[in-house]
Amino acid sequence: YATRDEMGRAAAEEAAAALRSKLAMQDH
């Protein structure tokens, strides 16, 4: 990514999406 901020935001967005996906399929 062009900047450190963009890098952190992109990683957080994708980690958050993974969390939401897993929570939709399992209890914890």
PDB file of all heavy atoms in Angstrom:
ATOM      1  N   TYR A   1       0.843  -1.205   0.000  1.00  0.00           N
ATOM      2  CA  TYR A   1       0.000   0.000   0.000  1.00  0.00           C
ATOM      3  C   TYR A   1       0.876   1.252   0.000  1.00  0.00           C
ATOM      4  O   TYR A   1       2.046   1.214   0.383  1.00  0.00           O
ATOM      5  CB  TYR A   1      -0.933  -0.005   1.222  1.00  0.00           C
ATOM      6  CG  TYR A   1      -1.938  -1.137   1.131  1.00  0.00           C
ATOM      7  CD1 TYR A   1      -1.605  -2.407   1.587  1.00  0.00           C
ATOM      8  CD2 TYR A   1      -3.179  -0.950   0.536  1.00  0.00           C
ATOM      9  CE1 TYR A   1      -2.498  -3.460   1.468  1.00  0.00           C
ATOM     10  CE2 TYR A   1      -4.072  -1.995   0.408  1.00  0.00           C
ATOM     11  CZ  TYR A   1      -3.725  -3.245   0.876  1.00  0.00           C
ATOM     12  OH  TYR A   1      -4.612  -4.297   0.730  1.00  0.00           O
ATOM     13  N   ALA A   2       0.298   2.349  -0.417  1.00  0.00           N
ATOM     14  CA  ALA A   2       1.060   3.588  -0.564  1.00  0.00           C
ATOM     15  C   ALA A   2       1.528   4.125   0.783  1.00  0.00           C
ATOM     16  O   ALA A   2       2.629   4.669   0.892  1.00  0.00           O
ATOM     17  CB  ALA A   2       0.217   4.640  -1.283  1.00  0.00           C
ATOM     18  N   THR A   3       0.705   3.976   1.815  1.00  0.00           N
ATOM     19  CA  THR A   3       1.031   4.543   3.117  1.00  0.00           C
ATOM     20  C   THR A   3       0.808   3.520   4.219  1.00  0.00           C
ATOM     21  O   THR A   3       0.085   2.536   4.054  1.00  0.00           O
ATOM     22  CB  THR A   3       0.162   5.772   3.428  1.00  0.00           C
ATOM     23  OG1 THR A   3      -1.205   5.348   3.604  1.00  0.00           O
ATOM     24  CG2 THR A   3       0.244   6.809   2.305  1.00  0.00           C
ATOM     25  N   ARG A   4       1.402   3.807   5.349  1.00  0.00           N
ATOM     26  CA  ARG A   4       1.219   2.958   6.532  1.00  0.00           C
ATOM     27  C   ARG A   4      -0.243   2.949   6.966  1.00  0.00           C
ATOM     28  O   ARG A   4      -0.787   1.905   7.354  1.00  0.00           O
ATOM     29  CB  ARG A   4       2.123   3.479   7.640  1.00  0.00           C
ATOM     30  CG  ARG A   4       2.040   2.725   8.946  1.00  0.00           C
ATOM     31  CD  ARG A   4       3.090   3.234   9.919  1.00  0.00           C
ATOM     32  NE  ARG A   4       2.960   2.582  11.212  1.00  0.00           N
ATOM     33  CZ  ARG A   4       3.973   2.289  12.001  1.00  0.00           C
ATOM     34  NH1 ARG A   4       5.202   2.608  11.631  1.00  0.00           N
ATOM     35  NH2 ARG A   4       3.781   1.704  13.173  1.00  0.00           N
ATOM     36  N   ASP A   5      -0.899   4.097   6.893  1.00  0.00           N
ATOM     37  CA  ASP A   5      -2.297   4.181   7.294  1.00  0.00           C
ATOM     38  C   ASP A   5      -3.178   3.318   6.386  1.00  0.00           C
ATOM     39  O   ASP A   5      -4.048   2.583   6.869  1.00  0.00           O
ATOM     40  CB  ASP A   5      -2.772   5.632   7.260  1.00  0.00           C
ATOM     41  CG  ASP A   5      -4.169   5.790   7.837  1.00  0.00           C
ATOM     42  OD1 ASP A   5      -4.295   5.775   9.079  1.00  0.00           O
ATOM     43  OD2 ASP A   5      -5.130   5.901   7.046  1.00  0.00           O
ATOM     44  N   GLU A   6      -2.956   3.399   5.076  1.00  0.00           N
ATOM     45  CA  GLU A   6      -3.746   2.585   4.159  1.00  0.00           C
ATOM     46  C   GLU A   6      -3.496   1.106   4.393  1.00  0.00           C
ATOM     47  O   GLU A   6      -4.426   0.288   4.307  1.00  0.00           O
ATOM     48  CB  GLU A   6      -3.430   2.962   2.712  1.00  0.00           C
ATOM     49  CG  GLU A   6      -3.964   4.326   2.303  1.00  0.00           C
ATOM     50  CD  GLU A   6      -3.720   4.626   0.842  1.00  0.00           C
ATOM     51  OE1 GLU A   6      -3.166   3.764   0.128  1.00  0.00           O
ATOM     52  OE2 GLU A   6      -4.095   5.719   0.397  1.00  0.00           O
ATOM     53  N   MET A   7      -2.253   0.758   4.645  1.00  0.00           N
ATOM     54  CA  MET A   7      -1.921  -0.631   4.945  1.00  0.00           C
ATOM     55  C   MET A   7      -2.691  -1.131   6.161  1.00  0.00           C
ATOM     56  O   MET A   7      -3.311  -2.201   6.132  1.00  0.00           O
ATOM     57  CB  MET A   7      -0.419  -0.744   5.183  1.00  0.00           C
ATOM     58  CG  MET A   7       0.064  -2.106   5.633  1.00  0.00           C
ATOM     59  SD  MET A   7       1.493  -2.005   6.759  1.00  0.00           S
ATOM     60  CE  MET A   7       0.785  -1.105   8.137  1.00  0.00           C
ATOM     61  N   GLY A   8      -2.661  -0.367   7.266  1.00  0.00           N
ATOM     62  CA  GLY A   8      -3.343  -0.774   8.481  1.00  0.00           C
ATOM     63  C   GLY A   8      -4.844  -0.863   8.301  1.00  0.00           C
ATOM     64  O   GLY A   8      -5.487  -1.775   8.830  1.00  0.00           O
ATOM     65  N   ARG A   9      -5.398   0.080   7.545  1.00  0.00           N
ATOM     66  CA  ARG A   9      -6.852   0.074   7.328  1.00  0.00           C
ATOM     67  C   ARG A   9      -7.279  -1.114   6.478  1.00  0.00           C
ATOM     68  O   ARG A   9      -8.282  -1.762   6.759  1.00  0.00           O
ATOM     69  CB  ARG A   9      -7.276   1.392   6.674  1.00  0.00           C
ATOM     70  CG  ARG A   9      -8.766   1.527   6.441  1.00  0.00           C
ATOM     71  CD  ARG A   9      -9.209   2.979   6.441  1.00  0.00           C
ATOM     72  NE  ARG A   9      -8.481   3.806   5.500  1.00  0.00           N
ATOM     73  CZ  ARG A   9      -8.906   4.066   4.256  1.00  0.00           C
ATOM     74  NH1 ARG A   9     -10.030   3.543   3.808  1.00  0.00           N
ATOM     75  NH2 ARG A   9      -8.208   4.861   3.466  1.00  0.00           N
ATOM     76  N   ALA A  10      -6.492  -1.414   5.439  1.00  0.00           N
ATOM     77  CA  ALA A  10      -6.824  -2.551   4.583  1.00  0.00           C
ATOM     78  C   ALA A  10      -6.754  -3.858   5.368  1.00  0.00           C
ATOM     79  O   ALA A  10      -7.648  -4.717   5.258  1.00  0.00           O
ATOM     80  CB  ALA A  10      -5.879  -2.597   3.390  1.00  0.00           C
ATOM     81  N   ALA A  11      -5.709  -4.022   6.164  1.00  0.00           N
ATOM     82  CA  ALA A  11      -5.573  -5.242   6.957  1.00  0.00           C
ATOM     83  C   ALA A  11      -6.722  -5.363   7.957  1.00  0.00           C
ATOM     84  O   ALA A  11      -7.279  -6.460   8.152  1.00  0.00           O
ATOM     85  CB  ALA A  11      -4.238  -5.249   7.687  1.00  0.00           C
ATOM     86  N   ALA A  12      -7.098  -4.249   8.585  1.00  0.00           N
ATOM     87  CA  ALA A  12      -8.189  -4.282   9.546  1.00  0.00           C
ATOM     88  C   ALA A  12      -9.513  -4.619   8.878  1.00  0.00           C
ATOM     89  O   ALA A  12     -10.326  -5.379   9.427  1.00  0.00           O
ATOM     90  CB  ALA A  12      -8.288  -2.931  10.264  1.00  0.00           C
ATOM     91  N   GLU A  13      -9.759  -4.066   7.707  1.00  0.00           N
ATOM     92  CA  GLU A  13     -10.993  -4.368   6.981  1.00  0.00           C
ATOM     93  C   GLU A  13     -11.088  -5.861   6.672  1.00  0.00           C
ATOM     94  O   GLU A  13     -12.139  -6.486   6.833  1.00  0.00           O
ATOM     95  CB  GLU A  13     -11.048  -3.565   5.682  1.00  0.00           C
ATOM     96  CG  GLU A  13     -11.431  -2.107   5.848  1.00  0.00           C
ATOM     97  CD  GLU A  13     -12.937  -1.922   6.022  1.00  0.00           C
ATOM     98  OE1 GLU A  13     -13.659  -2.921   6.129  1.00  0.00           O
ATOM     99  OE2 GLU A  13     -13.380  -0.760   6.058  1.00  0.00           O
ATOM    100  N   GLU A  14      -9.978  -6.441   6.241  1.00  0.00           N
ATOM    101  CA  GLU A  14     -10.018  -7.848   5.861  1.00  0.00           C
ATOM    102  C   GLU A  14     -10.074  -8.749   7.087  1.00  0.00           C
ATOM    103  O   GLU A  14     -10.758  -9.786   7.069  1.00  0.00           O
ATOM    104  CB  GLU A  14      -8.831  -8.170   4.964  1.00  0.00           C
ATOM    105  CG  GLU A  14      -8.926  -7.414   3.636  1.00  0.00           C
ATOM    106  CD  GLU A  14      -7.917  -7.868   2.603  1.00  0.00           C
ATOM    107  OE1 GLU A  14      -7.211  -8.866   2.848  1.00  0.00           O
ATOM    108  OE2 GLU A  14      -7.853  -7.225   1.547  1.00  0.00           O
ATOM    109  N   ALA A  15      -9.390  -8.390   8.157  1.00  0.00           N
ATOM    110  CA  ALA A  15      -9.496  -9.159   9.392  1.00  0.00           C
ATOM    111  C   ALA A  15     -10.906  -9.068   9.972  1.00  0.00           C
ATOM    112  O   ALA A  15     -11.460 -10.061  10.467  1.00  0.00           O
ATOM    113  CB  ALA A  15      -8.470  -8.677  10.411  1.00  0.00           C
ATOM    114  N   ALA A  16     -11.506  -7.883   9.903  1.00  0.00           N
ATOM    115  CA  ALA A  16     -12.883  -7.713  10.388  1.00  0.00           C
ATOM    116  C   ALA A  16     -13.851  -8.562   9.572  1.00  0.00           C
ATOM    117  O   ALA A  16     -14.773  -9.180  10.123  1.00  0.00           O
ATOM    118  CB  ALA A  16     -13.280  -6.239  10.330  1.00  0.00           C
ATOM    119  N   ALA A  17     -13.647  -8.595   8.257  1.00  0.00           N
ATOM    120  CA  ALA A  17     -14.502  -9.421   7.405  1.00  0.00           C
ATOM    121  C   ALA A  17     -14.367 -10.896   7.764  1.00  0.00           C
ATOM    122  O   ALA A  17     -15.352 -11.641   7.785  1.00  0.00           O
ATOM    123  CB  ALA A  17     -14.150  -9.196   5.942  1.00  0.00           C
ATOM    124  N   ALA A  18     -13.144 -11.329   8.074  1.00  0.00           N
ATOM    125  CA  ALA A  18     -12.925 -12.715   8.478  1.00  0.00           C
ATOM    126  C   ALA A  18     -13.626 -13.009   9.801  1.00  0.00           C
ATOM    127  O   ALA A  18     -14.235 -14.076   9.975  1.00  0.00           O
ATOM    128  CB  ALA A  18     -11.434 -12.999   8.583  1.00  0.00           C
ATOM    129  N   LEU A  19     -13.543 -12.067  10.741  1.00  0.00           N
ATOM    130  CA  LEU A  19     -14.236 -12.241  12.020  1.00  0.00           C
ATOM    131  C   LEU A  19     -15.741 -12.359  11.815  1.00  0.00           C
ATOM    132  O   LEU A  19     -16.392 -13.254  12.379  1.00  0.00           O
ATOM    133  CB  LEU A  19     -13.920 -11.058  12.935  1.00  0.00           C
ATOM    134  CG  LEU A  19     -12.693 -11.168  13.828  1.00  0.00           C
ATOM    135  CD1 LEU A  19     -12.358  -9.810  14.430  1.00  0.00           C
ATOM    136  CD2 LEU A  19     -12.926 -12.183  14.929  1.00  0.00           C
ATOM    137  N   ARG A  20     -16.309 -11.465  11.024  1.00  0.00           N
ATOM    138  CA  ARG A  20     -17.758 -11.516  10.788  1.00  0.00           C
ATOM    139  C   ARG A  20     -18.155 -12.833  10.132  1.00  0.00           C
ATOM    140  O   ARG A  20     -19.183 -13.440  10.479  1.00  0.00           O
ATOM    141  CB  ARG A  20     -18.189 -10.329   9.936  1.00  0.00           C
ATOM    142  CG  ARG A  20     -18.163  -8.989  10.678  1.00  0.00           C
ATOM    143  CD  ARG A  20     -18.820  -7.882   9.879  1.00  0.00           C
ATOM    144  NE  ARG A  20     -18.017  -7.509   8.730  1.00  0.00           N
ATOM    145  CZ  ARG A  20     -17.142  -6.497   8.712  1.00  0.00           C
ATOM    146  NH1 ARG A  20     -16.957  -5.764   9.811  1.00  0.00           N
ATOM    147  NH2 ARG A  20     -16.467  -6.213   7.624  1.00  0.00           N
ATOM    148  N   SER A  21     -17.361 -13.278   9.165  1.00  0.00           N
ATOM    149  CA  SER A  21     -17.668 -14.521   8.458  1.00  0.00           C
ATOM    150  C   SER A  21     -17.637 -15.717   9.406  1.00  0.00           C
ATOM    151  O   SER A  21     -18.530 -16.574   9.381  1.00  0.00           O
ATOM    152  CB  SER A  21     -16.671 -14.714   7.322  1.00  0.00           C
ATOM    153  OG  SER A  21     -16.874 -15.951   6.670  1.00  0.00           O
ATOM    154  N   LYS A  22     -16.625 -15.778  10.247  1.00  0.00           N
ATOM    155  CA  LYS A  22     -16.509 -16.913  11.154  1.00  0.00           C
ATOM    156  C   LYS A  22     -17.610 -16.880  12.211  1.00  0.00           C
ATOM    157  O   LYS A  22     -18.154 -17.927  12.587  1.00  0.00           O
ATOM    158  CB  LYS A  22     -15.128 -16.932  11.804  1.00  0.00           C
ATOM    159  CG  LYS A  22     -14.013 -17.256  10.809  1.00  0.00           C
ATOM    160  CD  LYS A  22     -12.663 -17.343  11.474  1.00  0.00           C
ATOM    161  CE  LYS A  22     -11.552 -17.537  10.439  1.00  0.00           C
ATOM    162  NZ  LYS A  22     -11.741 -18.709   9.587  1.00  0.00           N
ATOM    163  N   LEU A  23     -17.944 -15.685  12.702  1.00  0.00           N
ATOM    164  CA  LEU A  23     -19.011 -15.572  13.690  1.00  0.00           C
ATOM    165  C   LEU A  23     -20.370 -15.929  13.109  1.00  0.00           C
ATOM    166  O   LEU A  23     -21.288 -16.320  13.845  1.00  0.00           O
ATOM    167  CB  LEU A  23     -19.035 -14.163  14.276  1.00  0.00           C
ATOM    168  CG  LEU A  23     -17.898 -13.838  15.246  1.00  0.00           C
ATOM    169  CD1 LEU A  23     -17.843 -12.342  15.521  1.00  0.00           C
ATOM    170  CD2 LEU A  23     -18.049 -14.627  16.552  1.00  0.00           C
ATOM    171  N   ALA A  24     -20.519 -15.809  11.800  1.00  0.00           N
ATOM    172  CA  ALA A  24     -21.775 -16.218  11.148  1.00  0.00           C
ATOM    173  C   ALA A  24     -21.893 -17.730  11.054  1.00  0.00           C
ATOM    174  O   ALA A  24     -22.993 -18.258  10.879  1.00  0.00           O
ATOM    175  CB  ALA A  24     -21.859 -15.603   9.754  1.00  0.00           C
ATOM    176  N   MET A  25     -20.750 -18.427  11.184  1.00  0.00           N
ATOM    177  CA  MET A  25     -20.749 -19.881  10.993  1.00  0.00           C
ATOM    178  C   MET A  25     -20.501 -20.672  12.275  1.00  0.00           C
ATOM    179  O   MET A  25     -20.727 -21.876  12.309  1.00  0.00           O
ATOM    180  CB  MET A  25     -19.688 -20.263   9.958  1.00  0.00           C
ATOM    181  CG  MET A  25     -19.956 -19.715   8.563  1.00  0.00           C
ATOM    182  SD  MET A  25     -18.745 -20.303   7.348  1.00  0.00           S
ATOM    183  CE  MET A  25     -17.259 -19.445   7.904  1.00  0.00           C
ATOM    184  N   GLN A  26     -20.001 -19.992  13.324  1.00  0.00           N
ATOM    185  CA  GLN A  26     -19.687 -20.696  14.568  1.00  0.00           C
ATOM    186  C   GLN A  26     -20.013 -19.813  15.754  1.00  0.00           C
ATOM    187  O   GLN A  26     -20.141 -18.595  15.623  1.00  0.00           O
ATOM    188  CB  GLN A  26     -18.218 -21.116  14.570  1.00  0.00           C
ATOM    189  CG  GLN A  26     -17.228 -19.977  14.416  1.00  0.00           C
ATOM    190  CD  GLN A  26     -15.831 -20.436  14.006  1.00  0.00           C
ATOM    191  OE1 GLN A  26     -15.651 -21.027  12.943  1.00  0.00           O
ATOM    192  NE2 GLN A  26     -14.841 -20.155  14.855  1.00  0.00           N
ATOM    193  N   ASP A  27     -20.143 -20.450  16.924  1.00  0.00           N
ATOM    194  CA  ASP A  27     -20.592 -19.717  18.105  1.00  0.00           C
ATOM    195  C   ASP A  27     -19.547 -18.741  18.621  1.00  0.00           C
ATOM    196  O   ASP A  27     -19.884 -17.658  19.116  1.00  0.00           O
ATOM    197  CB  ASP A  27     -20.965 -20.696  19.221  1.00  0.00           C
ATOM    198  CG  ASP A  27     -22.223 -21.487  18.902  1.00  0.00           C
ATOM    199  OD1 ASP A  27     -23.045 -20.994  18.093  1.00  0.00           O
ATOM    200  OD2 ASP A  27     -22.379 -22.591  19.455  1.00  0.00           O
ATOM    201  N   HIS A  28     -18.283 -19.134  18.550  1.00  0.00           N
ATOM    202  CA  HIS A  28     -17.211 -18.310  19.103  1.00  0.00           C
ATOM    203  C   HIS A  28     -16.023 -18.289  18.158  1.00  0.00           C
ATOM    204  O   HIS A  28     -15.830 -19.211  17.372  1.00  0.00           O
ATOM    205  CB  HIS A  28     -16.767 -18.840  20.481  1.00  0.00           C
ATOM    206  CG  HIS A  28     -17.834 -18.783  21.516  1.00  0.00           C
ATOM    207  ND1 HIS A  28     -18.719 -19.828  21.732  1.00  0.00           N
ATOM    208  CD2 HIS A  28     -18.178 -17.816  22.399  1.00  0.00           C
ATOM    209  CE1 HIS A  28     -19.558 -19.493  22.712  1.00  0.00           C
ATOM    210  NE2 HIS A  28     -19.244 -18.287  23.127  1.00  0.00           N
TER     211      HIS A  28
END
